[in-house]
Amino acid sequence: MSTSTDSTADAAAMDPAVPVPDAAPQQPKQMLRERLAGLRGGDLGSLPVVVGLVVIVIVFQSLNSTFLNSFNLVNLCLQIAAVGIIATGVTLVLLLGEIDLSVGSVSGLAAAILAVLNVNEGYSPVVSLLAAALGGLVIGTIHGLVFTKLGVPSFIVTLAGLLVWQGAQLQVLGSQGTINLPPSGGLQQFGRFSYLADWQAYGLAVVLPVLFLAAKLATRTRRTRAGLPVGALWVPVAQALLLLAVLLAVVAKLSIDRGVPWIFVVFVAILSLIEYVLRRTRYGRAIFAVGGNIEAARRAGIKVDALRTSVFAIASMLAAVGGTVAAMRLGFANQSSGAADTLINAIAAAVIGGTSLFGGRSRMYSALLGALVIGAIANGLDLLNLSSALRYIITGTVLLLAVVIDALASRGRRSAGR
């Protein structure tokens, strides 16, 4: 994860004497050959999860024609928001080559804090949300310090945290067990009944591809000034147009029913921010570097312990945010909040989406893709009135398949010298 490319680009931008060779634009056939060579070398990209998602959609739609109707798709967006936010934090920890088993308990404790402060203590929704998120940040910092300063493996630290914070959740809820959020209150209204207006949704569907294209063109300009090769201009333009078409189709489909849920927008916004940090900042490159080779990262001057602690802190904070989103959508917090399959689904979403368990590798928007896969499986089985047992079996099988593909791809990359 070197920054030498960016440094060269900056130097060339400041020095007009740096020669800039004419980069021959890639032709479609050449790009196709390079892509096929990359696939053979283990560079699968997001292809496996996209193919898997398409297969899941085809299977469930053929078994139940309501799977792709607008009402069900809006429900799917509502259902995956909380798990997707938690999976985003899990992705950061996995990039270090570590694991966090406490995210489910942290999300449940955050939901309990939110409900107690808002309902029992009368604090405003904003203050309650901030307190719950701050609680997650403090918990993650504790995990990170115990892991880095005392040398306790992350598996043990967060396994202990799973038990400790679950007990803290029960303590916070007390004898009430279940605390219902006010139906007319801001929390439940936002989590269950708030949707973008049509003009907002379509505006967002147009703005996002424009921002995507602007970022691609900025990168292209920087590489050109540095004398580095660039691809054909039509490629990012075509990608932006494809993204525009997909987003407009999704918005049009969801607008037939209630529209795009705000909590889904919150999930995508959080995920986009994390993706920007990972791909465009020194801090993000340091995370990849530590996950790829910790000793090399340390010798390069990266403060490894501080970085690891901060990642655990951010992951727990995102788990807390996911827990509050789940409570707002369901309308309550109770002793089962964050329990059951919350932890498993969050880890599975990150891994299925393309984050490597071996550290240092993640695909763009892996948490979104993985959450869609997990959510689609659960949603489709619910529509078919099949048992939870089958859902666990299918989810576990998909998770195992994703890890096997990742392992085989890693072996292929090593063989190809990538």
Protein backbone atom coordinates (compact mmCIF):
# COMPACT_ATOMS: atom_id res chain seq x y z
CA MET A 1 0.00 0.00 0.00
CA SER A 2 2.69 2.47 -0.98
CA THR A 3 2.04 6.15 -1.51
CA SER A 4 4.81 6.48 -4.13
CA THR A 5 2.32 6.85 -6.98
CA ASP A 6 0.60 9.79 -5.33
CA SER A 7 3.97 11.38 -4.50
CA THR A 8 5.08 11.10 -8.12
CA ALA A 9 1.79 12.59 -9.25
CA ASP A 10 2.19 15.56 -6.90
CA ALA A 11 5.79 16.13 -7.97
CA ALA A 12 4.83 16.14 -11.63
CA ALA A 13 1.99 18.55 -10.98
CA MET A 14 4.42 21.02 -9.37
CA ASP A 15 7.19 20.58 -11.96
CA PRO A 16 6.15 21.25 -15.58
CA ALA A 17 9.49 19.87 -16.74
CA VAL A 18 8.45 16.34 -15.84
CA PRO A 19 7.82 14.56 -19.17
CA VAL A 20 4.34 13.21 -19.70
CA PRO A 21 4.23 10.36 -22.21
CA ASP A 22 1.23 9.92 -24.39
CA ALA A 23 -0.75 7.04 -22.94
CA ALA A 24 -2.36 4.93 -25.61
CA PRO A 25 -6.01 4.44 -24.74
CA GLN A 26 -7.01 0.88 -24.08
CA GLN A 27 -9.23 -0.82 -26.59
CA PRO A 28 -12.17 -3.00 -25.45
CA LYS A 29 -10.51 -6.21 -26.68
CA GLN A 30 -7.30 -5.37 -24.84
CA MET A 31 -9.20 -4.59 -21.65
CA LEU A 32 -11.10 -7.85 -21.95
CA ARG A 33 -7.88 -9.84 -22.37
CA GLU A 34 -6.34 -8.12 -19.34
CA ARG A 35 -9.44 -8.77 -17.27
CA LEU A 36 -9.49 -12.45 -18.21
CA ALA A 37 -5.80 -12.70 -17.35
CA GLY A 38 -6.55 -11.12 -13.99
CA LEU A 39 -9.32 -13.63 -13.32
CA ARG A 40 -6.97 -16.49 -14.12
CA GLY A 41 -4.43 -14.95 -11.76
CA GLY A 42 -6.88 -14.85 -8.85
CA ASP A 43 -8.03 -11.23 -9.19
CA LEU A 44 -11.74 -12.01 -9.03
CA GLY A 45 -12.94 -8.61 -7.85
CA SER A 46 -16.62 -8.51 -6.91
CA LEU A 47 -17.58 -11.08 -9.54
CA PRO A 48 -18.31 -14.01 -7.15
CA VAL A 49 -20.62 -12.06 -4.86
CA VAL A 50 -22.43 -10.37 -7.77
CA VAL A 51 -22.97 -13.73 -9.48
CA GLY A 52 -24.13 -15.22 -6.17
CA LEU A 53 -26.57 -12.36 -5.61
CA VAL A 54 -28.01 -12.77 -9.10
CA VAL A 55 -28.49 -16.50 -8.52
CA ILE A 56 -30.21 -15.86 -5.17
CA VAL A 57 -32.57 -13.34 -6.77
CA ILE A 58 -33.43 -15.67 -9.65
CA VAL A 59 -34.10 -18.62 -7.32
CA PHE A 60 -36.33 -16.76 -4.88
CA GLN A 61 -38.19 -14.86 -7.59
CA SER A 62 -38.95 -18.14 -9.37
CA LEU A 63 -40.22 -19.64 -6.10
CA ASN A 64 -42.21 -16.58 -5.01
CA SER A 65 -43.12 -13.83 -7.46
CA THR A 66 -43.46 -11.25 -4.67
CA PHE A 67 -39.72 -11.29 -3.95
CA LEU A 68 -38.95 -8.46 -6.40
CA ASN A 69 -42.08 -6.40 -5.85
CA SER A 70 -41.64 -2.86 -4.55
CA PHE A 71 -43.09 -3.50 -1.10
CA ASN A 72 -40.68 -6.33 -0.40
CA LEU A 73 -37.65 -4.48 -1.76
CA VAL A 74 -38.37 -1.52 0.52
CA ASN A 75 -38.59 -3.95 3.44
CA LEU A 76 -35.26 -5.46 2.37
CA CYS A 77 -33.62 -2.01 2.47
CA LEU A 78 -34.99 -1.47 5.97
CA GLN A 79 -33.83 -4.89 7.16
CA ILE A 80 -30.23 -4.74 5.98
CA ALA A 81 -29.37 -1.23 7.22
CA ALA A 82 -28.44 -2.19 10.80
CA VAL A 83 -26.46 -5.33 9.90
CA GLY A 84 -24.75 -3.44 7.08
CA ILE A 85 -23.53 -0.71 9.44
CA ILE A 86 -22.20 -3.30 11.90
CA ALA A 87 -20.57 -5.22 9.02
CA THR A 88 -18.80 -2.02 7.94
CA GLY A 89 -17.03 -1.92 11.30
CA VAL A 90 -16.27 -5.64 11.14
CA THR A 91 -14.64 -5.05 7.74
CA LEU A 92 -12.14 -2.64 9.29
CA VAL A 93 -11.13 -5.19 11.94
CA LEU A 94 -10.82 -7.99 9.38
CA LEU A 95 -8.55 -5.78 7.27
CA LEU A 96 -6.09 -5.91 10.18
CA GLY A 97 -6.27 -9.69 10.12
CA GLU A 98 -8.10 -9.64 13.48
CA ILE A 99 -11.64 -10.43 14.66
CA ASP A 100 -14.23 -8.73 16.85
CA LEU A 101 -16.75 -11.10 18.43
CA SER A 102 -18.35 -8.43 20.61
CA VAL A 103 -20.15 -6.37 17.97
CA GLY A 104 -23.51 -8.07 18.60
CA SER A 105 -23.38 -7.44 22.35
CA VAL A 106 -22.16 -3.87 21.83
CA SER A 107 -25.07 -3.19 19.48
CA GLY A 108 -27.53 -4.60 22.02
CA LEU A 109 -26.05 -2.51 24.84
CA ALA A 110 -26.24 0.61 22.66
CA ALA A 111 -29.91 -0.10 21.91
CA ALA A 112 -30.56 -0.44 25.66
CA ILE A 113 -28.74 2.83 26.41
CA LEU A 114 -30.74 4.59 23.71
CA ALA A 115 -34.08 3.33 25.02
CA VAL A 116 -33.34 4.02 28.71
CA LEU A 117 -32.08 7.55 28.10
CA ASN A 118 -34.87 8.49 25.72
CA VAL A 119 -37.83 6.78 27.39
CA ASN A 120 -36.96 6.46 31.07
CA GLU A 121 -34.75 9.51 31.54
CA GLY A 122 -36.45 11.82 29.05
CA TYR A 123 -33.37 12.84 27.08
CA SER A 124 -33.80 14.01 23.50
CA PRO A 125 -33.30 11.57 20.62
CA VAL A 126 -30.09 13.30 19.54
CA VAL A 127 -28.51 13.16 23.01
CA SER A 128 -29.57 9.53 23.41
CA LEU A 129 -28.06 8.58 20.05
CA LEU A 130 -24.80 10.38 20.78
CA ALA A 131 -24.51 8.75 24.21
CA ALA A 132 -25.04 5.28 22.70
CA ALA A 133 -22.43 5.91 19.97
CA LEU A 134 -19.98 7.32 22.53
CA GLY A 135 -20.48 4.20 24.64
CA GLY A 136 -19.49 2.06 21.66
CA LEU A 137 -16.42 4.21 21.06
CA VAL A 138 -15.28 3.81 24.67
CA ILE A 139 -15.84 0.04 24.57
CA GLY A 140 -13.84 -0.34 21.37
CA THR A 141 -11.01 1.73 22.82
CA ILE A 142 -10.89 -0.59 25.84
CA HIS A 143 -10.74 -3.62 23.56
CA GLY A 144 -7.98 -2.06 21.48
CA LEU A 145 -5.85 -1.11 24.49
CA VAL A 146 -6.13 -4.55 26.06
CA PHE A 147 -5.22 -6.09 22.71
CA THR A 148 -2.26 -3.83 21.91
CA LYS A 149 -0.84 -3.01 25.34
CA LEU A 150 -1.36 -6.31 27.13
CA GLY A 151 -0.92 -8.58 24.13
CA VAL A 152 -4.18 -10.49 24.65
CA PRO A 153 -5.38 -11.97 21.32
CA SER A 154 -8.31 -10.09 19.79
CA PHE A 155 -10.34 -13.30 19.75
CA ILE A 156 -10.11 -13.60 23.55
CA VAL A 157 -10.54 -9.88 24.23
CA THR A 158 -13.71 -9.59 22.19
CA LEU A 159 -15.05 -12.98 23.31
CA ALA A 160 -14.81 -11.70 26.88
CA GLY A 161 -16.39 -8.47 25.69
CA LEU A 162 -19.28 -10.42 24.19
CA LEU A 163 -20.12 -11.75 27.66
CA VAL A 164 -19.35 -8.57 29.62
CA TRP A 165 -21.37 -6.20 27.44
CA GLN A 166 -24.27 -8.63 27.22
CA GLY A 167 -24.37 -8.61 30.99
CA ALA A 168 -24.15 -4.81 30.98
CA GLN A 169 -27.10 -4.72 28.58
CA LEU A 170 -29.22 -6.77 30.97
CA GLN A 171 -28.14 -4.51 33.82
CA VAL A 172 -29.10 -1.35 31.92
CA LEU A 173 -32.52 -2.72 30.98
CA GLY A 174 -33.14 -3.86 34.54
CA SER A 175 -36.37 -5.55 35.48
CA GLN A 176 -38.26 -3.97 32.57
CA GLY A 177 -36.75 -6.35 30.05
CA THR A 178 -38.35 -4.55 27.10
CA ILE A 179 -38.51 -0.79 26.58
CA ASN A 180 -40.78 0.43 23.78
CA LEU A 181 -39.85 3.62 21.97
CA PRO A 182 -42.74 6.12 21.66
CA PRO A 183 -44.58 5.45 18.36
CA SER A 184 -44.89 9.18 17.72
CA GLY A 185 -41.35 9.95 18.89
CA GLY A 186 -38.57 11.00 16.58
CA LEU A 187 -36.58 7.78 16.93
CA GLN A 188 -39.26 5.37 15.81
CA GLN A 189 -40.60 7.79 13.23
CA PHE A 190 -37.16 8.06 11.63
CA GLY A 191 -36.39 4.35 11.82
CA ARG A 192 -39.70 3.02 10.51
CA PHE A 193 -41.63 5.71 8.68
CA SER A 194 -39.15 8.17 7.14
CA TYR A 195 -38.50 7.95 3.41
CA LEU A 196 -36.91 10.25 0.86
CA ALA A 197 -39.26 12.31 -1.27
CA ASP A 198 -39.19 11.30 -4.92
CA TRP A 199 -37.25 14.41 -5.94
CA GLN A 200 -34.68 13.75 -3.23
CA ALA A 201 -34.24 10.13 -4.27
CA TYR A 202 -33.89 10.91 -7.97
CA GLY A 203 -31.59 13.82 -7.20
CA LEU A 204 -29.36 11.54 -5.15
CA ALA A 205 -29.40 8.96 -7.96
CA VAL A 206 -28.04 11.63 -10.33
CA VAL A 207 -25.53 13.25 -7.94
CA LEU A 208 -23.77 10.01 -6.95
CA PRO A 209 -22.68 9.04 -10.50
CA VAL A 210 -21.53 12.63 -11.09
CA LEU A 211 -19.37 12.50 -7.97
CA PHE A 212 -18.07 9.08 -9.03
CA LEU A 213 -17.10 10.41 -12.46
CA ALA A 214 -15.50 13.53 -10.95
CA ALA A 215 -13.33 11.37 -8.67
CA LYS A 216 -12.27 9.15 -11.58
CA LEU A 217 -11.40 12.16 -13.73
CA ALA A 218 -9.41 13.75 -10.89
CA THR A 219 -7.40 10.53 -10.52
CA ARG A 220 -6.89 10.40 -14.26
CA THR A 221 -5.62 13.99 -14.31
CA ARG A 222 -3.20 13.35 -11.45
CA ARG A 223 -1.79 10.25 -13.16
CA THR A 224 -1.41 12.09 -16.47
CA ARG A 225 0.54 14.90 -14.81
CA ALA A 226 2.80 12.31 -13.19
CA GLY A 227 3.51 10.62 -16.50
CA LEU A 228 1.70 7.47 -15.50
CA PRO A 229 -0.44 5.45 -17.91
CA VAL A 230 -4.17 6.01 -17.92
CA GLY A 231 -6.95 3.98 -19.42
CA ALA A 232 -9.38 5.05 -22.09
CA LEU A 233 -11.59 8.01 -21.15
CA TRP A 234 -14.72 6.16 -22.17
CA VAL A 235 -14.27 3.61 -19.37
CA PRO A 236 -15.10 5.87 -16.38
CA VAL A 237 -17.79 7.57 -18.44
CA ALA A 238 -19.39 4.20 -19.20
CA GLN A 239 -19.11 3.18 -15.55
CA ALA A 240 -20.81 6.38 -14.43
CA LEU A 241 -23.61 5.94 -16.96
CA LEU A 242 -24.13 2.33 -15.84
CA LEU A 243 -24.25 3.44 -12.20
CA LEU A 244 -26.75 6.15 -13.13
CA ALA A 245 -28.98 3.65 -14.93
CA VAL A 246 -28.89 1.20 -12.00
CA LEU A 247 -29.64 3.87 -9.39
CA LEU A 248 -32.49 5.36 -11.41
CA ALA A 249 -34.00 1.89 -11.87
CA VAL A 250 -33.73 1.14 -8.15
CA VAL A 251 -35.27 4.47 -7.16
CA ALA A 252 -38.09 4.04 -9.68
CA LYS A 253 -38.83 0.57 -8.31
CA LEU A 254 -38.80 1.63 -4.66
CA SER A 255 -40.86 4.76 -5.40
CA ILE A 256 -43.77 2.58 -6.52
CA ASP A 257 -44.19 1.73 -2.85
CA ARG A 258 -42.94 3.91 0.05
CA GLY A 259 -39.67 5.04 -1.49
CA VAL A 260 -36.05 4.92 -0.30
CA PRO A 261 -35.82 4.59 3.51
CA TRP A 262 -33.75 7.18 5.31
CA ILE A 263 -32.02 4.58 7.46
CA PHE A 264 -30.80 2.87 4.30
CA VAL A 265 -29.39 6.21 3.14
CA VAL A 266 -27.64 6.55 6.51
CA PHE A 267 -26.08 3.10 6.00
CA VAL A 268 -24.85 3.97 2.50
CA ALA A 269 -23.53 7.34 3.71
CA ILE A 270 -21.55 5.70 6.54
CA LEU A 271 -20.25 3.03 4.18
CA SER A 272 -19.24 5.66 1.58
CA LEU A 273 -17.37 7.64 4.22
CA ILE A 274 -15.46 4.55 5.38
CA GLU A 275 -14.69 3.61 1.77
CA TYR A 276 -13.34 7.10 1.12
CA VAL A 277 -11.12 6.90 4.19
CA LEU A 278 -9.82 3.47 3.20
CA ARG A 279 -9.13 4.26 -0.45
CA ARG A 280 -8.20 7.94 -0.39
CA THR A 281 -6.44 8.76 2.89
CA ARG A 282 -3.11 7.93 4.49
CA TYR A 283 -4.94 6.43 7.46
CA GLY A 284 -6.80 4.03 5.20
CA ARG A 285 -3.65 2.99 3.37
CA ALA A 286 -2.02 2.36 6.75
CA ILE A 287 -4.85 -0.05 7.66
CA PHE A 288 -4.23 -2.05 4.48
CA ALA A 289 -0.49 -1.95 5.12
CA VAL A 290 -0.78 -3.27 8.69
CA GLY A 291 -3.15 -6.02 7.57
CA GLY A 292 -0.89 -6.98 4.69
CA ASN A 293 2.42 -7.04 6.55
CA ILE A 294 2.55 -5.69 10.08
CA GLU A 295 6.33 -5.80 10.41
CA ALA A 296 6.87 -3.94 7.15
CA ALA A 297 4.27 -1.37 8.23
CA ARG A 298 6.05 -0.87 11.56
CA ARG A 299 9.39 -0.36 9.81
CA ALA A 300 7.75 2.14 7.47
CA GLY A 301 6.97 4.31 10.48
CA ILE A 302 3.32 3.48 11.00
CA LYS A 303 2.23 3.61 14.64
CA VAL A 304 0.77 0.14 14.61
CA ASP A 305 -0.61 0.01 18.16
CA ALA A 306 -2.38 3.35 17.88
CA LEU A 307 -3.82 2.36 14.50
CA ARG A 308 -5.13 -0.98 15.78
CA THR A 309 -6.69 0.64 18.84
CA SER A 310 -8.42 3.25 16.69
CA VAL A 311 -9.80 0.57 14.35
CA PHE A 312 -11.32 -1.40 17.24
CA ALA A 313 -12.79 1.86 18.59
CA ILE A 314 -14.39 2.74 15.24
CA ALA A 315 -15.71 -0.81 14.78
CA SER A 316 -17.43 -0.79 18.18
CA MET A 317 -18.84 2.67 17.55
CA LEU A 318 -20.32 1.47 14.25
CA ALA A 319 -21.71 -1.58 16.08
CA ALA A 320 -23.39 0.81 18.52
CA VAL A 321 -24.82 2.88 15.67
CA GLY A 322 -26.13 -0.29 14.04
CA GLY A 323 -27.75 -1.30 17.31
CA THR A 324 -29.54 2.04 17.62
CA VAL A 325 -30.72 1.80 13.99
CA ALA A 326 -32.12 -1.67 14.70
CA ALA A 327 -33.93 -0.39 17.80
CA MET A 328 -35.42 2.53 15.86
CA ARG A 329 -36.64 0.22 13.11
CA LEU A 330 -38.14 -2.35 15.47
CA GLY A 331 -39.50 0.26 17.88
CA PHE A 332 -38.04 -1.25 21.04
CA ALA A 333 -34.94 -2.51 22.83
CA ASN A 334 -34.99 -5.68 24.91
CA GLN A 335 -32.82 -8.48 26.24
CA SER A 336 -32.55 -10.10 22.81
CA SER A 337 -31.35 -6.93 21.05
CA GLY A 338 -28.03 -7.65 19.38
CA ALA A 339 -28.32 -11.34 20.21
CA ALA A 340 -29.33 -14.32 18.06
CA ASP A 341 -27.65 -14.06 14.64
CA THR A 342 -26.55 -10.40 14.73
CA LEU A 343 -22.85 -11.22 15.19
CA ILE A 344 -22.88 -14.07 12.67
CA ASN A 345 -24.68 -12.01 10.03
CA ALA A 346 -22.32 -9.05 10.45
CA ILE A 347 -19.18 -11.17 10.06
CA ALA A 348 -20.75 -13.19 7.24
CA ALA A 349 -21.76 -10.01 5.38
CA ALA A 350 -18.21 -8.64 5.55
CA VAL A 351 -16.61 -11.89 4.40
CA ILE A 352 -19.18 -12.75 1.73
CA GLY A 353 -18.89 -9.20 0.40
CA GLY A 354 -15.20 -9.74 -0.30
CA THR A 355 -13.17 -8.84 2.79
CA SER A 356 -10.36 -11.33 3.28
CA LEU A 357 -10.04 -13.17 6.58
CA PHE A 358 -6.29 -13.12 5.99
CA GLY A 359 -6.14 -9.33 6.28
CA GLY A 360 -5.08 -6.55 3.95
CA ARG A 361 -7.68 -7.08 1.21
CA SER A 362 -11.22 -5.81 0.75
CA ARG A 363 -13.40 -5.02 -2.21
CA MET A 364 -15.23 -1.76 -2.74
CA TYR A 365 -18.49 -1.64 -0.80
CA SER A 366 -18.07 -5.20 0.44
CA ALA A 367 -20.37 -4.60 3.42
CA LEU A 368 -23.21 -3.48 1.12
CA LEU A 369 -22.84 -6.47 -1.19
CA GLY A 370 -22.57 -8.91 1.71
CA ALA A 371 -25.52 -7.37 3.54
CA LEU A 372 -27.60 -7.68 0.37
CA VAL A 373 -26.72 -11.37 0.10
CA ILE A 374 -27.49 -12.09 3.77
CA GLY A 375 -30.64 -9.99 3.70
CA ALA A 376 -31.88 -11.51 0.45
CA ILE A 377 -31.46 -15.05 1.83
CA ALA A 378 -33.32 -14.25 5.06
CA ASN A 379 -36.02 -12.29 3.26
CA GLY A 380 -36.57 -14.94 0.60
CA LEU A 381 -36.83 -17.76 3.12
CA ASP A 382 -39.32 -15.74 5.17
CA LEU A 383 -41.47 -15.28 2.08
CA LEU A 384 -41.39 -19.03 1.53
CA ASN A 385 -42.30 -19.65 5.21
CA LEU A 386 -39.26 -21.87 5.64
CA SER A 387 -37.63 -22.51 8.99
CA SER A 388 -34.78 -20.57 10.57
CA ALA A 389 -32.79 -23.79 10.57
CA LEU A 390 -32.64 -23.73 6.77
CA ARG A 391 -31.60 -20.08 6.82
CA TYR A 392 -28.64 -20.90 9.08
CA ILE A 393 -27.66 -23.82 6.85
CA ILE A 394 -27.78 -21.74 3.66
CA THR A 395 -26.01 -18.74 5.21
CA GLY A 396 -23.27 -20.97 6.61
CA THR A 397 -22.82 -22.68 3.26
CA VAL A 398 -22.55 -19.36 1.43
CA LEU A 399 -20.05 -18.11 4.04
CA LEU A 400 -17.90 -21.23 3.66
CA LEU A 401 -18.03 -20.92 -0.11
CA ALA A 402 -16.91 -17.28 0.09
CA VAL A 403 -13.92 -18.20 2.28
CA VAL A 404 -12.98 -21.09 -0.02
CA ILE A 405 -13.10 -18.78 -3.05
CA ASP A 406 -10.96 -16.24 -1.20
CA ALA A 407 -8.40 -18.90 -0.26
CA LEU A 408 -8.23 -20.23 -3.83
CA ALA A 409 -7.96 -16.70 -5.20
CA SER A 410 -5.11 -15.94 -2.78
CA ARG A 411 -3.31 -19.08 -3.95
CA GLY A 412 -3.86 -18.03 -7.56
CA ARG A 413 -2.46 -14.55 -6.91
CA ARG A 414 0.65 -16.01 -5.29
CA SER A 415 1.15 -18.39 -8.23
CA ALA A 416 0.79 -15.50 -10.68
CA GLY A 417 3.17 -13.32 -8.65
CA ARG A 418 0.49 -10.73 -7.85
